[in-house]
Amino acid sequence: MFSPDWRKLWIGSLVLAALCGFIYGWKRRSENPPFIITTKTEVPPEVKLLRRGRYDEAAKATLDSIKDEKKDYFKYQSVAVVYAARAVNDPSNREKWAEQAAFYIGKSVSLAPDDSINLMAAAFSIDRVGDISSQACPYYEKADQYARDAMSQLKNDSIFVGDEKMPTQPIQDELGKLLEILRGKIESKCANKP
C-alpha cells in the first residue's frame, strides 16, 4: 500500500511521536504524580505516643477519642494494645499492665458480645496477653472462650464487616488454628495447675 520510503517515514513518525509523548509525560510527572505516591496516611496521635513509650498519654488519647461506647467499642482493644506493650517493656510491673490490657479487652467484648470479629480480635489479643504474663492460664482459657464464642456466631457462609460482605470460611480457619494453639498451650502449661 505504501512504498518502502513512505513506510519508513510513517514508522519513524510513530516512534518519534511515542518518544516525544513519553518525554513530555516524564517531565510532567512531578506536576501530576501517581495517586499512590500522593496519599499519605496520618499516623494517629496515640500511635505516635505509643512509639515514644508514653503509654499513659497514648491510653488517655485513645479513651478520649471514644464518643459513643456502643459504636466505638473496638477502641478499647487499642487501649489494651497500649497496656500490653507496656507490660512487655516494664517487666517489674508486667502483671499489672497485663491485667489492664485484659480489662480493656473484656470491656470491648462486653459492649459488643455479638460481634464475631470483635470476639476474634479479643481472642487473639488475650492470647498475646497470656504469652506476656507469667500467669498465663486464665488468659489462655479466656482466649479459648472468646474464640469459641466467635466460632459459634459464624453460622452463615458470609458476614458483613462494615459495608463489605466477607466469606466466613477464612475467619473460621483462623479461629480453628488459634483454638488448636490454645489447646496446646493449655495442655502444656495449665494441665498441672490447680
N, C-alpha and C. Protein backbone atom coordinates (compact mmCIF):
# COMPACT_ATOMS: atom_id res chain seq x y z
N MET A 1 0.83 -1.18 0.00
CA MET A 1 0.00 0.00 0.00
C MET A 1 0.88 1.26 0.00
N PHE A 2 1.85 1.29 0.97
CA PHE A 2 2.81 2.39 0.97
C PHE A 2 4.10 1.93 0.36
N SER A 3 4.78 2.82 -0.26
CA SER A 3 6.10 2.48 -0.79
C SER A 3 7.07 2.35 0.39
N PRO A 4 8.17 1.65 0.24
CA PRO A 4 9.11 1.44 1.34
C PRO A 4 9.58 2.75 1.97
N ASP A 5 9.77 3.79 1.18
CA ASP A 5 10.22 5.06 1.76
C ASP A 5 9.14 5.68 2.64
N TRP A 6 7.90 5.63 2.16
CA TRP A 6 6.79 6.16 2.97
C TRP A 6 6.59 5.32 4.23
N ARG A 7 6.75 4.03 4.11
CA ARG A 7 6.61 3.14 5.28
C ARG A 7 7.65 3.51 6.35
N LYS A 8 8.90 3.73 5.94
CA LYS A 8 9.94 4.13 6.89
C LYS A 8 9.60 5.47 7.53
N LEU A 9 9.11 6.41 6.73
CA LEU A 9 8.73 7.72 7.26
C LEU A 9 7.56 7.58 8.24
N TRP A 10 6.58 6.76 7.88
CA TRP A 10 5.41 6.53 8.74
C TRP A 10 5.83 5.90 10.07
N ILE A 11 6.62 4.85 10.07
CA ILE A 11 7.08 4.17 11.28
C ILE A 11 7.98 5.11 12.09
N GLY A 12 8.85 5.84 11.42
CA GLY A 12 9.72 6.80 12.10
C GLY A 12 8.92 7.88 12.81
N SER A 13 7.86 8.34 12.17
CA SER A 13 7.00 9.37 12.76
C SER A 13 6.30 8.84 14.01
N LEU A 14 5.80 7.59 13.92
CA LEU A 14 5.13 6.99 15.08
C LEU A 14 6.10 6.82 16.25
N VAL A 15 7.30 6.34 15.99
CA VAL A 15 8.30 6.16 17.04
C VAL A 15 8.66 7.51 17.64
N LEU A 16 8.86 8.52 16.79
CA LEU A 16 9.20 9.86 17.27
C LEU A 16 8.06 10.44 18.12
N ALA A 17 6.81 10.26 17.68
CA ALA A 17 5.66 10.76 18.45
C ALA A 17 5.56 10.06 19.81
N ALA A 18 5.77 8.74 19.81
CA ALA A 18 5.73 8.00 21.07
C ALA A 18 6.84 8.44 22.00
N LEU A 19 8.03 8.64 21.47
CA LEU A 19 9.17 9.09 22.27
C LEU A 19 8.92 10.49 22.82
N CYS A 20 8.42 11.39 22.01
CA CYS A 20 8.11 12.75 22.48
C CYS A 20 7.01 12.73 23.55
N GLY A 21 6.00 11.89 23.34
CA GLY A 21 4.93 11.76 24.34
C GLY A 21 5.46 11.24 25.67
N PHE A 22 6.36 10.28 25.61
CA PHE A 22 6.95 9.72 26.83
C PHE A 22 7.78 10.78 27.55
N ILE A 23 8.61 11.51 26.78
CA ILE A 23 9.45 12.55 27.39
C ILE A 23 8.59 13.65 27.99
N TYR A 24 7.55 14.08 27.29
CA TYR A 24 6.65 15.10 27.81
C TYR A 24 5.99 14.62 29.11
N GLY A 25 5.50 13.40 29.12
CA GLY A 25 4.86 12.84 30.33
C GLY A 25 5.85 12.69 31.46
N TRP A 26 7.07 12.31 31.17
CA TRP A 26 8.10 12.14 32.20
C TRP A 26 8.41 13.48 32.86
N LYS A 27 8.47 14.55 32.05
CA LYS A 27 8.74 15.88 32.60
C LYS A 27 7.56 16.38 33.44
N ARG A 28 6.36 15.99 33.11
CA ARG A 28 5.16 16.46 33.82
C ARG A 28 4.80 15.59 35.03
N ARG A 29 5.54 14.51 35.28
CA ARG A 29 5.19 13.59 36.37
C ARG A 29 5.21 14.27 37.74
N SER A 30 6.08 15.25 37.94
CA SER A 30 6.14 15.92 39.23
C SER A 30 4.92 16.80 39.46
N GLU A 31 4.32 17.30 38.37
CA GLU A 31 3.11 18.11 38.49
C GLU A 31 1.88 17.24 38.72
N ASN A 32 1.90 16.03 38.24
CA ASN A 32 0.75 15.15 38.35
C ASN A 32 1.23 13.75 38.72
N PRO A 33 1.70 13.58 39.98
CA PRO A 33 2.24 12.27 40.36
C PRO A 33 1.14 11.22 40.45
N PRO A 34 1.53 9.94 40.39
CA PRO A 34 0.54 8.86 40.53
C PRO A 34 -0.17 8.95 41.87
N PHE A 35 -1.39 8.44 41.91
CA PHE A 35 -2.23 8.52 43.11
C PHE A 35 -1.57 7.88 44.33
N ILE A 36 -0.90 6.78 44.13
CA ILE A 36 -0.30 6.05 45.25
C ILE A 36 0.73 6.90 45.97
N ILE A 37 1.49 7.66 45.22
CA ILE A 37 2.53 8.48 45.82
C ILE A 37 1.94 9.64 46.61
N THR A 38 0.82 10.17 46.15
CA THR A 38 0.26 11.37 46.78
C THR A 38 -0.49 11.08 48.07
N THR A 39 -0.87 9.85 48.32
CA THR A 39 -1.63 9.57 49.53
C THR A 39 -0.70 9.21 50.67
N LYS A 40 -0.85 9.92 51.75
CA LYS A 40 -0.10 9.61 52.96
C LYS A 40 -1.11 9.47 54.08
N THR A 41 -1.02 8.37 54.79
CA THR A 41 -1.93 8.20 55.91
C THR A 41 -1.32 8.88 57.12
N GLU A 42 -2.13 9.58 57.81
CA GLU A 42 -1.70 10.26 59.02
C GLU A 42 -1.67 9.26 60.16
N VAL A 43 -0.56 9.20 60.84
CA VAL A 43 -0.41 8.30 61.97
C VAL A 43 -1.21 8.90 63.13
N PRO A 44 -2.12 8.12 63.72
CA PRO A 44 -2.91 8.64 64.84
C PRO A 44 -2.00 9.07 65.99
N PRO A 45 -2.42 10.09 66.74
CA PRO A 45 -1.57 10.60 67.83
C PRO A 45 -1.26 9.54 68.89
N GLU A 46 -2.21 8.64 69.14
CA GLU A 46 -1.95 7.62 70.16
C GLU A 46 -0.85 6.66 69.72
N VAL A 47 -0.74 6.42 68.41
CA VAL A 47 0.33 5.56 67.90
C VAL A 47 1.68 6.26 68.05
N LYS A 48 1.71 7.55 67.75
CA LYS A 48 2.94 8.32 67.94
C LYS A 48 3.38 8.27 69.40
N LEU A 49 2.44 8.45 70.31
CA LEU A 49 2.76 8.42 71.74
C LEU A 49 3.24 7.04 72.17
N LEU A 50 2.59 6.01 71.65
CA LEU A 50 2.97 4.64 71.99
C LEU A 50 4.40 4.36 71.51
N ARG A 51 4.73 4.79 70.32
CA ARG A 51 6.07 4.58 69.79
C ARG A 51 7.14 5.27 70.63
N ARG A 52 6.75 6.36 71.26
CA ARG A 52 7.70 7.09 72.11
C ARG A 52 7.75 6.54 73.53
N GLY A 53 6.92 5.54 73.82
CA GLY A 53 6.90 4.96 75.16
C GLY A 53 6.09 5.77 76.15
N ARG A 54 5.24 6.63 75.67
CA ARG A 54 4.40 7.46 76.54
C ARG A 54 3.03 6.78 76.65
N TYR A 55 3.01 5.70 77.42
CA TYR A 55 1.86 4.79 77.48
C TYR A 55 0.62 5.43 78.08
N ASP A 56 0.78 6.13 79.20
CA ASP A 56 -0.39 6.75 79.83
C ASP A 56 -1.06 7.75 78.90
N GLU A 57 -0.25 8.55 78.22
CA GLU A 57 -0.80 9.53 77.29
C GLU A 57 -1.46 8.85 76.09
N ALA A 58 -0.87 7.77 75.62
CA ALA A 58 -1.46 7.04 74.48
C ALA A 58 -2.81 6.44 74.87
N ALA A 59 -2.87 5.84 76.06
CA ALA A 59 -4.14 5.27 76.52
C ALA A 59 -5.18 6.37 76.71
N LYS A 60 -4.77 7.49 77.30
CA LYS A 60 -5.70 8.60 77.52
C LYS A 60 -6.21 9.16 76.19
N ALA A 61 -5.31 9.31 75.22
CA ALA A 61 -5.72 9.83 73.90
C ALA A 61 -6.75 8.91 73.25
N THR A 62 -6.55 7.60 73.37
CA THR A 62 -7.50 6.66 72.79
C THR A 62 -8.83 6.70 73.53
N LEU A 63 -8.76 6.73 74.85
CA LEU A 63 -10.00 6.79 75.63
C LEU A 63 -10.76 8.10 75.37
N ASP A 64 -10.02 9.20 75.21
CA ASP A 64 -10.66 10.49 74.93
C ASP A 64 -11.32 10.51 73.55
N SER A 65 -10.84 9.68 72.63
CA SER A 65 -11.41 9.66 71.28
C SER A 65 -12.73 8.88 71.22
N ILE A 66 -13.08 8.21 72.29
CA ILE A 66 -14.33 7.43 72.31
C ILE A 66 -15.49 8.39 72.57
N LYS A 67 -16.35 8.50 71.58
CA LYS A 67 -17.51 9.39 71.69
C LYS A 67 -18.75 8.62 72.16
N ASP A 68 -18.93 7.43 71.62
CA ASP A 68 -20.08 6.60 71.96
C ASP A 68 -19.57 5.17 72.15
N GLU A 69 -19.62 4.70 73.38
CA GLU A 69 -19.08 3.37 73.69
C GLU A 69 -19.70 2.28 72.83
N LYS A 70 -20.99 2.39 72.56
CA LYS A 70 -21.67 1.35 71.79
C LYS A 70 -21.17 1.27 70.35
N LYS A 71 -20.68 2.39 69.81
CA LYS A 71 -20.18 2.40 68.44
C LYS A 71 -18.66 2.27 68.40
N ASP A 72 -17.98 2.79 69.40
CA ASP A 72 -16.52 2.83 69.41
C ASP A 72 -15.90 1.76 70.30
N TYR A 73 -16.63 0.68 70.54
CA TYR A 73 -16.15 -0.37 71.44
C TYR A 73 -14.80 -0.94 71.03
N PHE A 74 -14.52 -0.96 69.72
CA PHE A 74 -13.26 -1.52 69.23
C PHE A 74 -12.05 -0.72 69.69
N LYS A 75 -12.27 0.54 70.06
CA LYS A 75 -11.15 1.37 70.52
C LYS A 75 -10.60 0.88 71.86
N TYR A 76 -11.43 0.16 72.62
CA TYR A 76 -10.92 -0.41 73.87
C TYR A 76 -9.85 -1.46 73.58
N GLN A 77 -9.96 -2.11 72.42
CA GLN A 77 -8.90 -3.06 72.02
C GLN A 77 -7.59 -2.31 71.80
N SER A 78 -7.67 -1.08 71.29
CA SER A 78 -6.46 -0.27 71.10
C SER A 78 -5.84 0.11 72.43
N VAL A 79 -6.68 0.42 73.41
CA VAL A 79 -6.16 0.72 74.75
C VAL A 79 -5.47 -0.52 75.31
N ALA A 80 -6.05 -1.68 75.06
CA ALA A 80 -5.44 -2.93 75.52
C ALA A 80 -4.07 -3.14 74.89
N VAL A 81 -3.92 -2.78 73.62
CA VAL A 81 -2.62 -2.90 72.96
C VAL A 81 -1.58 -2.02 73.65
N VAL A 82 -2.00 -0.83 74.05
CA VAL A 82 -1.08 0.08 74.77
C VAL A 82 -0.58 -0.58 76.05
N TYR A 83 -1.52 -1.15 76.82
CA TYR A 83 -1.12 -1.78 78.08
C TYR A 83 -0.32 -3.06 77.87
N ALA A 84 -0.62 -3.78 76.81
CA ALA A 84 0.17 -4.98 76.51
C ALA A 84 1.60 -4.59 76.15
N ALA A 85 1.75 -3.53 75.37
CA ALA A 85 3.09 -3.05 75.03
C ALA A 85 3.82 -2.59 76.28
N ARG A 86 3.09 -1.96 77.16
CA ARG A 86 3.72 -1.52 78.41
C ARG A 86 4.14 -2.71 79.27
N ALA A 87 3.33 -3.75 79.27
CA ALA A 87 3.69 -4.97 80.03
C ALA A 87 4.97 -5.58 79.49
N VAL A 88 5.14 -5.57 78.19
CA VAL A 88 6.35 -6.12 77.59
C VAL A 88 7.57 -5.30 77.99
N ASN A 89 7.41 -3.98 78.01
CA ASN A 89 8.55 -3.10 78.25
C ASN A 89 8.77 -2.72 79.71
N ASP A 90 7.91 -3.18 80.61
CA ASP A 90 8.06 -2.89 82.04
C ASP A 90 7.96 -4.19 82.83
N PRO A 91 9.02 -5.00 82.82
CA PRO A 91 8.97 -6.32 83.45
C PRO A 91 8.62 -6.29 84.95
N SER A 92 9.01 -5.25 85.64
CA SER A 92 8.74 -5.21 87.08
C SER A 92 7.25 -5.05 87.38
N ASN A 93 6.49 -4.49 86.45
CA ASN A 93 5.04 -4.31 86.63
C ASN A 93 4.24 -5.06 85.57
N ARG A 94 4.84 -6.08 85.00
CA ARG A 94 4.24 -6.80 83.88
C ARG A 94 2.82 -7.29 84.18
N GLU A 95 2.62 -7.89 85.34
CA GLU A 95 1.29 -8.45 85.65
C GLU A 95 0.23 -7.35 85.77
N LYS A 96 0.62 -6.24 86.34
CA LYS A 96 -0.31 -5.11 86.48
C LYS A 96 -0.79 -4.64 85.10
N TRP A 97 0.15 -4.48 84.17
CA TRP A 97 -0.22 -3.99 82.84
C TRP A 97 -0.94 -5.07 82.03
N ALA A 98 -0.61 -6.31 82.23
CA ALA A 98 -1.32 -7.40 81.55
C ALA A 98 -2.78 -7.43 82.01
N GLU A 99 -3.00 -7.21 83.31
CA GLU A 99 -4.38 -7.17 83.82
C GLU A 99 -5.14 -6.00 83.22
N GLN A 100 -4.47 -4.85 83.07
CA GLN A 100 -5.13 -3.69 82.45
C GLN A 100 -5.50 -4.00 81.00
N ALA A 101 -4.58 -4.63 80.29
CA ALA A 101 -4.88 -5.00 78.89
C ALA A 101 -6.09 -5.93 78.84
N ALA A 102 -6.10 -6.93 79.71
CA ALA A 102 -7.22 -7.87 79.74
C ALA A 102 -8.53 -7.17 80.11
N PHE A 103 -8.44 -6.20 81.01
CA PHE A 103 -9.64 -5.45 81.41
C PHE A 103 -10.26 -4.76 80.20
N TYR A 104 -9.44 -4.07 79.41
CA TYR A 104 -9.98 -3.33 78.26
C TYR A 104 -10.45 -4.25 77.13
N ILE A 105 -9.82 -5.38 76.99
CA ILE A 105 -10.31 -6.36 76.02
C ILE A 105 -11.69 -6.86 76.46
N GLY A 106 -11.80 -7.16 77.76
CA GLY A 106 -13.09 -7.60 78.29
C GLY A 106 -14.16 -6.54 78.14
N LYS A 107 -13.79 -5.28 78.32
CA LYS A 107 -14.76 -4.20 78.17
C LYS A 107 -15.24 -4.12 76.72
N SER A 108 -14.34 -4.28 75.78
CA SER A 108 -14.71 -4.27 74.37
C SER A 108 -15.70 -5.39 74.07
N VAL A 109 -15.41 -6.57 74.60
CA VAL A 109 -16.30 -7.71 74.37
C VAL A 109 -17.66 -7.50 75.05
N SER A 110 -17.66 -6.95 76.25
CA SER A 110 -18.93 -6.75 76.96
C SER A 110 -19.83 -5.75 76.24
N LEU A 111 -19.23 -4.80 75.51
CA LEU A 111 -20.03 -3.82 74.78
C LEU A 111 -20.55 -4.35 73.45
N ALA A 112 -19.93 -5.39 72.92
CA ALA A 112 -20.35 -5.96 71.63
C ALA A 112 -20.20 -7.48 71.65
N PRO A 113 -20.96 -8.16 72.50
CA PRO A 113 -20.80 -9.61 72.62
C PRO A 113 -21.27 -10.39 71.39
N ASP A 114 -22.00 -9.73 70.49
CA ASP A 114 -22.50 -10.41 69.29
C ASP A 114 -21.68 -10.10 68.04
N ASP A 115 -20.60 -9.39 68.20
CA ASP A 115 -19.73 -9.05 67.07
C ASP A 115 -18.63 -10.10 66.98
N SER A 116 -18.75 -10.99 66.01
CA SER A 116 -17.81 -12.11 65.91
C SER A 116 -16.39 -11.63 65.59
N ILE A 117 -16.25 -10.56 64.84
CA ILE A 117 -14.91 -10.04 64.53
C ILE A 117 -14.27 -9.46 65.79
N ASN A 118 -15.05 -8.77 66.59
CA ASN A 118 -14.54 -8.24 67.86
C ASN A 118 -14.13 -9.38 68.79
N LEU A 119 -14.93 -10.43 68.82
CA LEU A 119 -14.60 -11.59 69.65
C LEU A 119 -13.32 -12.26 69.15
N MET A 120 -13.16 -12.35 67.83
CA MET A 120 -11.96 -12.94 67.28
C MET A 120 -10.74 -12.10 67.65
N ALA A 121 -10.85 -10.77 67.50
CA ALA A 121 -9.74 -9.89 67.87
C ALA A 121 -9.43 -10.03 69.36
N ALA A 122 -10.47 -10.15 70.18
CA ALA A 122 -10.27 -10.32 71.62
C ALA A 122 -9.56 -11.63 71.92
N ALA A 123 -9.92 -12.68 71.22
CA ALA A 123 -9.27 -13.98 71.44
C ALA A 123 -7.78 -13.90 71.12
N PHE A 124 -7.44 -13.30 70.00
CA PHE A 124 -6.03 -13.17 69.63
C PHE A 124 -5.30 -12.26 70.62
N SER A 125 -5.94 -11.18 71.04
CA SER A 125 -5.30 -10.24 71.97
C SER A 125 -5.07 -10.88 73.34
N ILE A 126 -6.08 -11.57 73.85
CA ILE A 126 -5.93 -12.21 75.17
C ILE A 126 -4.87 -13.32 75.11
N ASP A 127 -4.78 -14.00 73.99
CA ASP A 127 -3.72 -15.00 73.81
C ASP A 127 -2.35 -14.33 73.95
N ARG A 128 -2.19 -13.17 73.32
CA ARG A 128 -0.92 -12.43 73.42
C ARG A 128 -0.65 -11.99 74.86
N VAL A 129 -1.69 -11.56 75.54
CA VAL A 129 -1.52 -11.17 76.94
C VAL A 129 -1.06 -12.38 77.75
N GLY A 130 -1.62 -13.54 77.46
CA GLY A 130 -1.18 -14.76 78.13
C GLY A 130 0.28 -15.06 77.86
N ASP A 131 0.72 -14.80 76.63
CA ASP A 131 2.14 -15.01 76.30
C ASP A 131 3.04 -14.06 77.07
N ILE A 132 2.56 -12.87 77.36
CA ILE A 132 3.33 -11.86 78.08
C ILE A 132 3.38 -12.17 79.57
N SER A 133 2.26 -12.64 80.11
CA SER A 133 2.12 -12.81 81.56
C SER A 133 2.79 -14.09 82.07
N SER A 134 3.22 -14.04 83.31
CA SER A 134 3.75 -15.25 83.95
C SER A 134 2.60 -16.10 84.50
N GLN A 135 1.42 -15.53 84.55
CA GLN A 135 0.21 -16.25 85.00
C GLN A 135 -0.71 -16.40 83.79
N ALA A 136 -0.27 -17.19 82.84
CA ALA A 136 -0.91 -17.25 81.53
C ALA A 136 -2.22 -18.02 81.47
N CYS A 137 -2.39 -18.99 82.33
CA CYS A 137 -3.53 -19.91 82.19
C CYS A 137 -4.89 -19.23 82.12
N PRO A 138 -5.21 -18.30 83.03
CA PRO A 138 -6.54 -17.65 82.91
C PRO A 138 -6.72 -16.91 81.58
N TYR A 139 -5.64 -16.35 81.08
CA TYR A 139 -5.73 -15.62 79.81
C TYR A 139 -5.95 -16.58 78.64
N TYR A 140 -5.23 -17.69 78.64
CA TYR A 140 -5.42 -18.68 77.58
C TYR A 140 -6.84 -19.24 77.62
N GLU A 141 -7.35 -19.50 78.80
CA GLU A 141 -8.72 -20.03 78.92
C GLU A 141 -9.75 -19.00 78.44
N LYS A 142 -9.51 -17.73 78.75
CA LYS A 142 -10.42 -16.67 78.29
C LYS A 142 -10.34 -16.53 76.77
N ALA A 143 -9.13 -16.62 76.22
CA ALA A 143 -8.97 -16.56 74.77
C ALA A 143 -9.70 -17.72 74.09
N ASP A 144 -9.61 -18.89 74.70
CA ASP A 144 -10.30 -20.07 74.19
C ASP A 144 -11.82 -19.81 74.17
N GLN A 145 -12.33 -19.21 75.24
CA GLN A 145 -13.77 -18.93 75.32
C GLN A 145 -14.19 -17.91 74.25
N TYR A 146 -13.40 -16.85 74.10
CA TYR A 146 -13.72 -15.84 73.08
C TYR A 146 -13.70 -16.46 71.68
N ALA A 147 -12.71 -17.29 71.41
CA ALA A 147 -12.61 -17.92 70.08
C ALA A 147 -13.80 -18.84 69.84
N ARG A 148 -14.19 -19.60 70.85
CA ARG A 148 -15.36 -20.48 70.69
C ARG A 148 -16.64 -19.68 70.48
N ASP A 149 -16.78 -18.58 71.22
CA ASP A 149 -17.96 -17.73 71.05
C ASP A 149 -18.00 -17.14 69.64
N ALA A 150 -16.85 -16.69 69.15
CA ALA A 150 -16.79 -16.14 67.80
C ALA A 150 -17.15 -17.21 66.77
N MET A 151 -16.59 -18.40 66.95
CA MET A 151 -16.85 -19.51 66.02
C MET A 151 -18.34 -19.86 66.02
N SER A 152 -18.97 -19.86 67.17
CA SER A 152 -20.39 -20.23 67.23
C SER A 152 -21.28 -19.20 66.54
N GLN A 153 -20.81 -17.99 66.41
CA GLN A 153 -21.61 -16.95 65.75
C GLN A 153 -21.46 -16.96 64.22
N LEU A 154 -20.48 -17.69 63.73
CA LEU A 154 -20.22 -17.73 62.29
C LEU A 154 -20.94 -18.91 61.65
N LYS A 155 -22.25 -18.82 61.58
CA LYS A 155 -23.06 -19.92 61.08
C LYS A 155 -23.31 -19.81 59.57
N ASN A 156 -23.32 -18.61 59.04
CA ASN A 156 -23.61 -18.40 57.62
C ASN A 156 -22.33 -18.49 56.80
N ASP A 157 -22.51 -18.48 55.46
CA ASP A 157 -21.37 -18.53 54.56
C ASP A 157 -20.62 -17.22 54.50
N SER A 158 -21.29 -16.12 54.87
CA SER A 158 -20.64 -14.81 54.81
C SER A 158 -21.22 -13.90 55.89
N ILE A 159 -20.44 -12.87 56.21
CA ILE A 159 -20.89 -11.86 57.17
C ILE A 159 -20.53 -10.50 56.60
N PHE A 160 -21.15 -9.46 57.14
CA PHE A 160 -20.80 -8.10 56.76
C PHE A 160 -19.84 -7.55 57.80
N VAL A 161 -18.72 -7.06 57.31
CA VAL A 161 -17.75 -6.36 58.15
C VAL A 161 -17.74 -4.94 57.63
N GLY A 162 -18.33 -4.05 58.40
CA GLY A 162 -18.55 -2.70 57.88
C GLY A 162 -19.59 -2.79 56.78
N ASP A 163 -19.21 -2.35 55.60
CA ASP A 163 -20.12 -2.40 54.44
C ASP A 163 -19.77 -3.53 53.48
N GLU A 164 -18.76 -4.30 53.81
CA GLU A 164 -18.31 -5.33 52.89
C GLU A 164 -18.73 -6.72 53.35
N LYS A 165 -19.15 -7.50 52.37
CA LYS A 165 -19.53 -8.88 52.63
C LYS A 165 -18.29 -9.75 52.54
N MET A 166 -18.03 -10.52 53.59
CA MET A 166 -16.84 -11.37 53.63
C MET A 166 -17.24 -12.82 53.85
N PRO A 167 -16.53 -13.74 53.22
CA PRO A 167 -16.81 -15.16 53.49
C PRO A 167 -16.34 -15.51 54.90
N THR A 168 -17.06 -16.41 55.54
CA THR A 168 -16.70 -16.77 56.91
C THR A 168 -15.66 -17.88 56.98
N GLN A 169 -15.45 -18.60 55.89
CA GLN A 169 -14.53 -19.73 55.94
C GLN A 169 -13.11 -19.33 56.35
N PRO A 170 -12.52 -18.27 55.79
CA PRO A 170 -11.17 -17.89 56.23
C PRO A 170 -11.13 -17.50 57.71
N ILE A 171 -12.19 -16.87 58.18
CA ILE A 171 -12.26 -16.48 59.60
C ILE A 171 -12.34 -17.74 60.46
N GLN A 172 -13.17 -18.68 60.04
CA GLN A 172 -13.29 -19.94 60.79
C GLN A 172 -11.98 -20.70 60.79
N ASP A 173 -11.26 -20.65 59.66
CA ASP A 173 -9.96 -21.33 59.59
C ASP A 173 -8.97 -20.72 60.58
N GLU A 174 -8.92 -19.40 60.64
CA GLU A 174 -8.00 -18.72 61.58
C GLU A 174 -8.39 -19.01 63.02
N LEU A 175 -9.67 -19.01 63.29
CA LEU A 175 -10.13 -19.33 64.65
C LEU A 175 -9.80 -20.78 65.00
N GLY A 176 -9.95 -21.67 64.04
CA GLY A 176 -9.61 -23.08 64.26
C GLY A 176 -8.14 -23.25 64.60
N LYS A 177 -7.27 -22.54 63.86
CA LYS A 177 -5.83 -22.58 64.15
C LYS A 177 -5.55 -22.05 65.55
N LEU A 178 -6.19 -20.94 65.90
CA LEU A 178 -5.99 -20.36 67.23
C LEU A 178 -6.45 -21.33 68.31
N LEU A 179 -7.59 -21.96 68.11
CA LEU A 179 -8.08 -22.91 69.11
C LEU A 179 -7.12 -24.08 69.30
N GLU A 180 -6.52 -24.55 68.21
CA GLU A 180 -5.52 -25.63 68.32
C GLU A 180 -4.31 -25.17 69.12
N ILE A 181 -3.83 -23.96 68.81
CA ILE A 181 -2.67 -23.42 69.53
C ILE A 181 -3.00 -23.25 71.01
N LEU A 182 -4.19 -22.72 71.29
CA LEU A 182 -4.60 -22.52 72.68
C LEU A 182 -4.74 -23.85 73.40
N ARG A 183 -5.29 -24.84 72.72
CA ARG A 183 -5.43 -26.17 73.34
C ARG A 183 -4.05 -26.70 73.74
N GLY A 184 -3.07 -26.53 72.86
CA GLY A 184 -1.71 -26.96 73.17
C GLY A 184 -1.11 -26.20 74.34
N LYS A 185 -1.33 -24.91 74.38
CA LYS A 185 -0.80 -24.09 75.48
C LYS A 185 -1.46 -24.47 76.80
N ILE A 186 -2.76 -24.66 76.76
CA ILE A 186 -3.48 -25.01 77.99
C ILE A 186 -3.04 -26.39 78.48
N GLU A 187 -2.91 -27.35 77.57
CA GLU A 187 -2.48 -28.69 77.98
C GLU A 187 -1.06 -28.70 78.51
N SER A 188 -0.17 -27.93 77.91
CA SER A 188 1.23 -27.97 78.34
C SER A 188 1.51 -27.09 79.54
N LYS A 189 0.84 -25.97 79.66
CA LYS A 189 1.17 -25.05 80.74
C LYS A 189 0.17 -25.02 81.89
N CYS A 190 -1.04 -25.48 81.64
CA CYS A 190 -2.09 -25.32 82.64
C CYS A 190 -2.64 -26.64 83.17
N ALA A 191 -2.25 -27.75 82.60
CA ALA A 191 -2.83 -29.03 82.99
C ALA A 191 -2.50 -29.38 84.44
N ASN A 192 -1.31 -29.03 84.92
CA ASN A 192 -0.91 -29.40 86.27
C ASN A 192 -1.23 -28.32 87.30
N LYS A 193 -1.83 -27.22 86.86
CA LYS A 193 -2.16 -26.14 87.79
C LYS A 193 -3.45 -26.44 88.50
N PRO A 194 -3.58 -26.04 89.75
CA PRO A 194 -4.83 -26.29 90.49
C PRO A 194 -5.97 -25.47 89.96
